[in-house]
Amino acid sequence: MSKKIAQLPPLATTIPSVLGLVPVTRESGLRMRETGSRCLGIWRSAQREVAIEADAALVAAWHTYWHEWAHIVLYDAGVALKKHEERVCDAIATARVREMLDR
């Protein structure tokens, strides 16, 4: 494990939003509602909560945190990207984790 990855802070337990704090929990066995396939994170818009896979490595958990953060930002702004949203959220998450590692 690189020194920078080892220096990442513990995963945040909330995501700030214009509509208030969104709780972030760690859960085991997360699955996508549409396909039933395993996933690292879920944004539950109706409950305004995020779940991140409990056994995800810290760097993957932070990537997932920022990915779900991007979903929240888009959702709260009323932006629906349809088929491209997952890729956009991944790109944003990758950039945010890189920023964290560069500190």
N, C-alpha and C. Protein backbone atom coordinates (compact mmCIF):
# COMPACT_ATOMS: atom_id res chain seq x y z
N MET A 1 0.85 -1.17 0.00
CA MET A 1 0.00 0.00 0.00
C MET A 1 0.90 1.23 0.00
N SER A 2 0.58 2.20 -0.84
CA SER A 2 1.40 3.39 -0.88
C SER A 2 1.20 4.22 0.38
N LYS A 3 2.22 5.02 0.68
CA LYS A 3 2.17 5.87 1.88
C LYS A 3 0.99 6.83 1.82
N LYS A 4 0.73 7.39 0.64
CA LYS A 4 -0.36 8.37 0.52
C LYS A 4 -1.72 7.72 0.77
N ILE A 5 -1.94 6.51 0.27
CA ILE A 5 -3.21 5.83 0.50
C ILE A 5 -3.37 5.53 1.98
N ALA A 6 -2.28 5.16 2.64
CA ALA A 6 -2.32 4.87 4.06
C ALA A 6 -2.65 6.12 4.88
N GLN A 7 -2.40 7.30 4.32
CA GLN A 7 -2.64 8.54 5.04
C GLN A 7 -4.03 9.13 4.80
N LEU A 8 -4.87 8.44 4.07
CA LEU A 8 -6.23 8.93 3.88
C LEU A 8 -6.94 8.97 5.24
N PRO A 9 -7.79 9.98 5.44
CA PRO A 9 -8.52 10.05 6.71
C PRO A 9 -9.61 8.98 6.76
N PRO A 10 -10.12 8.70 7.95
CA PRO A 10 -11.26 7.77 8.04
C PRO A 10 -12.41 8.30 7.17
N LEU A 11 -13.20 7.39 6.67
CA LEU A 11 -14.32 7.76 5.82
C LEU A 11 -15.30 8.66 6.57
N ALA A 12 -15.76 9.70 5.92
CA ALA A 12 -16.73 10.63 6.51
C ALA A 12 -18.06 9.90 6.73
N THR A 13 -18.80 10.34 7.72
CA THR A 13 -20.08 9.71 8.05
C THR A 13 -21.28 10.51 7.55
N THR A 14 -21.02 11.63 6.91
CA THR A 14 -22.09 12.42 6.29
C THR A 14 -21.58 13.02 4.99
N ILE A 15 -22.51 13.39 4.14
CA ILE A 15 -22.22 14.12 2.91
C ILE A 15 -23.01 15.42 2.99
N PRO A 16 -22.32 16.57 2.91
CA PRO A 16 -23.04 17.83 2.94
C PRO A 16 -23.81 18.05 1.64
N SER A 17 -25.00 18.57 1.79
CA SER A 17 -25.86 18.84 0.64
C SER A 17 -26.59 20.16 0.89
N VAL A 18 -27.01 20.77 -0.16
CA VAL A 18 -27.79 22.01 -0.03
C VAL A 18 -29.08 21.76 0.76
N LEU A 19 -29.54 20.52 0.78
CA LEU A 19 -30.76 20.16 1.50
C LEU A 19 -30.48 19.58 2.89
N GLY A 20 -29.22 19.64 3.32
CA GLY A 20 -28.86 19.13 4.64
C GLY A 20 -27.89 17.97 4.54
N LEU A 21 -27.43 17.52 5.70
CA LEU A 21 -26.47 16.42 5.74
C LEU A 21 -27.13 15.09 5.36
N VAL A 22 -26.42 14.32 4.56
CA VAL A 22 -26.87 12.99 4.16
C VAL A 22 -26.02 11.98 4.93
N PRO A 23 -26.65 11.10 5.73
CA PRO A 23 -25.87 10.13 6.48
C PRO A 23 -25.23 9.08 5.56
N VAL A 24 -24.01 8.67 5.94
CA VAL A 24 -23.28 7.63 5.23
C VAL A 24 -23.04 6.48 6.20
N THR A 25 -23.50 5.28 5.82
CA THR A 25 -23.30 4.11 6.67
C THR A 25 -22.50 3.07 5.90
N ARG A 26 -21.89 2.15 6.64
CA ARG A 26 -21.19 1.02 6.04
C ARG A 26 -22.10 -0.19 6.19
N GLU A 27 -22.36 -0.89 5.09
CA GLU A 27 -23.24 -2.06 5.10
C GLU A 27 -22.60 -3.17 4.29
N SER A 28 -22.92 -4.39 4.64
CA SER A 28 -22.39 -5.56 3.92
C SER A 28 -23.40 -6.06 2.90
N GLY A 29 -22.87 -6.60 1.81
CA GLY A 29 -23.71 -7.24 0.81
C GLY A 29 -24.59 -6.31 -0.01
N LEU A 30 -24.09 -5.11 -0.31
CA LEU A 30 -24.88 -4.16 -1.11
C LEU A 30 -25.10 -4.71 -2.51
N ARG A 31 -26.31 -4.50 -3.01
CA ARG A 31 -26.66 -4.94 -4.36
C ARG A 31 -27.46 -3.86 -5.07
N MET A 32 -27.24 -3.76 -6.37
CA MET A 32 -28.00 -2.80 -7.18
C MET A 32 -29.43 -3.29 -7.30
N ARG A 33 -30.36 -2.39 -7.08
CA ARG A 33 -31.78 -2.74 -7.13
C ARG A 33 -32.18 -3.24 -8.51
N GLU A 34 -31.66 -2.61 -9.56
CA GLU A 34 -32.08 -2.93 -10.92
C GLU A 34 -31.60 -4.31 -11.38
N THR A 35 -30.36 -4.67 -11.03
CA THR A 35 -29.77 -5.89 -11.57
C THR A 35 -29.50 -6.96 -10.51
N GLY A 36 -29.44 -6.56 -9.26
CA GLY A 36 -29.11 -7.50 -8.20
C GLY A 36 -27.62 -7.78 -8.08
N SER A 37 -26.81 -7.13 -8.91
CA SER A 37 -25.37 -7.35 -8.85
C SER A 37 -24.75 -6.57 -7.69
N ARG A 38 -23.64 -7.08 -7.19
CA ARG A 38 -22.95 -6.44 -6.07
C ARG A 38 -22.46 -5.06 -6.47
N CYS A 39 -22.39 -4.18 -5.50
CA CYS A 39 -21.88 -2.83 -5.75
C CYS A 39 -21.20 -2.31 -4.49
N LEU A 40 -20.44 -1.24 -4.65
CA LEU A 40 -19.72 -0.67 -3.51
C LEU A 40 -20.50 0.41 -2.80
N GLY A 41 -21.51 0.97 -3.46
CA GLY A 41 -22.27 2.04 -2.81
C GLY A 41 -23.63 2.24 -3.42
N ILE A 42 -24.51 2.83 -2.62
CA ILE A 42 -25.88 3.11 -3.06
C ILE A 42 -26.31 4.47 -2.51
N TRP A 43 -26.91 5.27 -3.39
CA TRP A 43 -27.56 6.53 -3.00
C TRP A 43 -29.05 6.24 -2.98
N ARG A 44 -29.62 6.26 -1.79
CA ARG A 44 -31.07 6.02 -1.63
C ARG A 44 -31.75 7.38 -1.55
N SER A 45 -32.20 7.86 -2.71
CA SER A 45 -32.73 9.22 -2.78
C SER A 45 -33.99 9.41 -1.93
N ALA A 46 -34.88 8.43 -1.89
CA ALA A 46 -36.12 8.57 -1.12
C ALA A 46 -35.84 8.73 0.37
N GLN A 47 -34.80 8.04 0.85
CA GLN A 47 -34.44 8.12 2.27
C GLN A 47 -33.36 9.17 2.52
N ARG A 48 -32.78 9.70 1.45
CA ARG A 48 -31.65 10.64 1.52
C ARG A 48 -30.55 10.08 2.40
N GLU A 49 -30.06 8.89 1.97
CA GLU A 49 -28.96 8.26 2.69
C GLU A 49 -28.07 7.52 1.69
N VAL A 50 -26.83 7.32 2.11
CA VAL A 50 -25.84 6.60 1.31
C VAL A 50 -25.34 5.43 2.11
N ALA A 51 -25.18 4.29 1.46
CA ALA A 51 -24.56 3.10 2.06
C ALA A 51 -23.33 2.76 1.24
N ILE A 52 -22.24 2.44 1.94
CA ILE A 52 -20.99 2.04 1.30
C ILE A 52 -20.62 0.67 1.83
N GLU A 53 -20.17 -0.20 0.94
CA GLU A 53 -19.83 -1.57 1.31
C GLU A 53 -18.87 -1.59 2.50
N ALA A 54 -19.22 -2.36 3.51
CA ALA A 54 -18.48 -2.38 4.77
C ALA A 54 -17.04 -2.84 4.61
N ASP A 55 -16.78 -3.80 3.73
CA ASP A 55 -15.42 -4.33 3.62
C ASP A 55 -14.60 -3.70 2.50
N ALA A 56 -15.07 -2.60 1.93
CA ALA A 56 -14.31 -1.92 0.89
C ALA A 56 -13.05 -1.30 1.50
N ALA A 57 -11.94 -1.42 0.80
CA ALA A 57 -10.70 -0.78 1.22
C ALA A 57 -10.93 0.73 1.31
N LEU A 58 -10.13 1.41 2.13
CA LEU A 58 -10.36 2.83 2.38
C LEU A 58 -10.34 3.67 1.10
N VAL A 59 -9.39 3.43 0.21
CA VAL A 59 -9.35 4.22 -1.03
C VAL A 59 -10.60 3.95 -1.87
N ALA A 60 -11.07 2.71 -1.91
CA ALA A 60 -12.30 2.39 -2.65
C ALA A 60 -13.52 3.00 -1.96
N ALA A 61 -13.51 3.01 -0.63
CA ALA A 61 -14.63 3.62 0.10
C ALA A 61 -14.70 5.12 -0.17
N TRP A 62 -13.54 5.78 -0.19
CA TRP A 62 -13.53 7.22 -0.50
C TRP A 62 -13.98 7.47 -1.95
N HIS A 63 -13.54 6.63 -2.88
CA HIS A 63 -13.98 6.78 -4.27
C HIS A 63 -15.50 6.64 -4.33
N THR A 64 -16.03 5.66 -3.62
CA THR A 64 -17.47 5.44 -3.60
C THR A 64 -18.19 6.61 -2.94
N TYR A 65 -17.64 7.13 -1.87
CA TYR A 65 -18.20 8.31 -1.19
C TYR A 65 -18.36 9.46 -2.20
N TRP A 66 -17.29 9.77 -2.92
CA TRP A 66 -17.35 10.88 -3.89
C TRP A 66 -18.27 10.56 -5.06
N HIS A 67 -18.33 9.29 -5.46
CA HIS A 67 -19.25 8.88 -6.52
C HIS A 67 -20.69 9.15 -6.08
N GLU A 68 -21.03 8.72 -4.87
CA GLU A 68 -22.39 8.94 -4.37
C GLU A 68 -22.65 10.42 -4.12
N TRP A 69 -21.62 11.15 -3.67
CA TRP A 69 -21.73 12.61 -3.52
C TRP A 69 -22.14 13.25 -4.85
N ALA A 70 -21.52 12.81 -5.94
CA ALA A 70 -21.85 13.36 -7.25
C ALA A 70 -23.31 13.06 -7.61
N HIS A 71 -23.80 11.86 -7.31
CA HIS A 71 -25.21 11.55 -7.53
C HIS A 71 -26.10 12.53 -6.77
N ILE A 72 -25.75 12.81 -5.52
CA ILE A 72 -26.55 13.72 -4.70
C ILE A 72 -26.55 15.12 -5.30
N VAL A 73 -25.39 15.60 -5.69
CA VAL A 73 -25.28 16.94 -6.28
C VAL A 73 -26.15 17.03 -7.53
N LEU A 74 -26.07 16.04 -8.40
CA LEU A 74 -26.89 16.05 -9.62
C LEU A 74 -28.37 15.96 -9.29
N TYR A 75 -28.73 15.07 -8.38
CA TYR A 75 -30.13 14.88 -7.98
C TYR A 75 -30.71 16.17 -7.40
N ASP A 76 -29.96 16.78 -6.48
CA ASP A 76 -30.46 18.00 -5.83
C ASP A 76 -30.58 19.17 -6.81
N ALA A 77 -29.79 19.13 -7.88
CA ALA A 77 -29.85 20.18 -8.89
C ALA A 77 -30.89 19.88 -9.98
N GLY A 78 -31.51 18.70 -9.91
CA GLY A 78 -32.51 18.34 -10.91
C GLY A 78 -31.91 17.93 -12.24
N VAL A 79 -30.66 17.46 -12.20
CA VAL A 79 -29.98 17.06 -13.43
C VAL A 79 -30.08 15.54 -13.58
N ALA A 80 -30.66 15.10 -14.69
CA ALA A 80 -30.77 13.67 -14.98
C ALA A 80 -29.94 13.37 -16.23
N LEU A 81 -28.85 12.63 -16.05
CA LEU A 81 -27.96 12.34 -17.17
C LEU A 81 -28.25 11.01 -17.84
N LYS A 82 -29.22 10.28 -17.33
CA LYS A 82 -29.62 8.99 -17.89
C LYS A 82 -28.44 8.04 -18.01
N LYS A 83 -28.11 7.61 -19.23
CA LYS A 83 -27.13 6.54 -19.41
C LYS A 83 -25.68 6.96 -19.10
N HIS A 84 -25.39 8.24 -19.00
CA HIS A 84 -24.02 8.68 -18.76
C HIS A 84 -23.73 9.00 -17.30
N GLU A 85 -24.74 8.99 -16.46
CA GLU A 85 -24.54 9.45 -15.08
C GLU A 85 -23.50 8.64 -14.32
N GLU A 86 -23.50 7.33 -14.45
CA GLU A 86 -22.52 6.51 -13.72
C GLU A 86 -21.09 6.87 -14.11
N ARG A 87 -20.85 7.07 -15.40
CA ARG A 87 -19.50 7.43 -15.85
C ARG A 87 -19.10 8.82 -15.38
N VAL A 88 -20.04 9.75 -15.39
CA VAL A 88 -19.75 11.10 -14.91
C VAL A 88 -19.43 11.06 -13.42
N CYS A 89 -20.22 10.34 -12.64
CA CYS A 89 -19.97 10.22 -11.20
C CYS A 89 -18.62 9.56 -10.93
N ASP A 90 -18.26 8.55 -11.72
CA ASP A 90 -16.96 7.90 -11.57
C ASP A 90 -15.82 8.87 -11.87
N ALA A 91 -15.97 9.66 -12.90
CA ALA A 91 -14.92 10.62 -13.27
C ALA A 91 -14.72 11.65 -12.16
N ILE A 92 -15.81 12.15 -11.63
CA ILE A 92 -15.73 13.13 -10.53
C ILE A 92 -15.09 12.48 -9.31
N ALA A 93 -15.50 11.27 -8.98
CA ALA A 93 -14.95 10.56 -7.81
C ALA A 93 -13.45 10.33 -7.97
N THR A 94 -13.02 9.94 -9.15
CA THR A 94 -11.60 9.71 -9.40
C THR A 94 -10.81 11.00 -9.18
N ALA A 95 -11.32 12.11 -9.67
CA ALA A 95 -10.64 13.39 -9.49
C ALA A 95 -10.58 13.80 -8.02
N ARG A 96 -11.67 13.58 -7.29
CA ARG A 96 -11.69 13.96 -5.86
C ARG A 96 -10.72 13.12 -5.04
N VAL A 97 -10.64 11.82 -5.31
CA VAL A 97 -9.69 10.97 -4.59
C VAL A 97 -8.26 11.38 -4.94
N ARG A 98 -8.01 11.68 -6.20
CA ARG A 98 -6.66 12.14 -6.59
C ARG A 98 -6.30 13.41 -5.83
N GLU A 99 -7.24 14.34 -5.67
CA GLU A 99 -7.00 15.54 -4.89
C GLU A 99 -6.61 15.20 -3.45
N MET A 100 -7.31 14.23 -2.87
CA MET A 100 -7.02 13.82 -1.50
C MET A 100 -5.61 13.24 -1.39
N LEU A 101 -5.22 12.45 -2.37
CA LEU A 101 -3.90 11.81 -2.35
C LEU A 101 -2.77 12.80 -2.61
N ASP A 102 -3.09 13.92 -3.26
CA ASP A 102 -2.06 14.93 -3.57
C ASP A 102 -1.81 15.90 -2.42
N ARG A 103 -2.59 15.82 -1.37
CA ARG A 103 -2.42 16.76 -0.25
C ARG A 103 -1.17 16.45 0.53
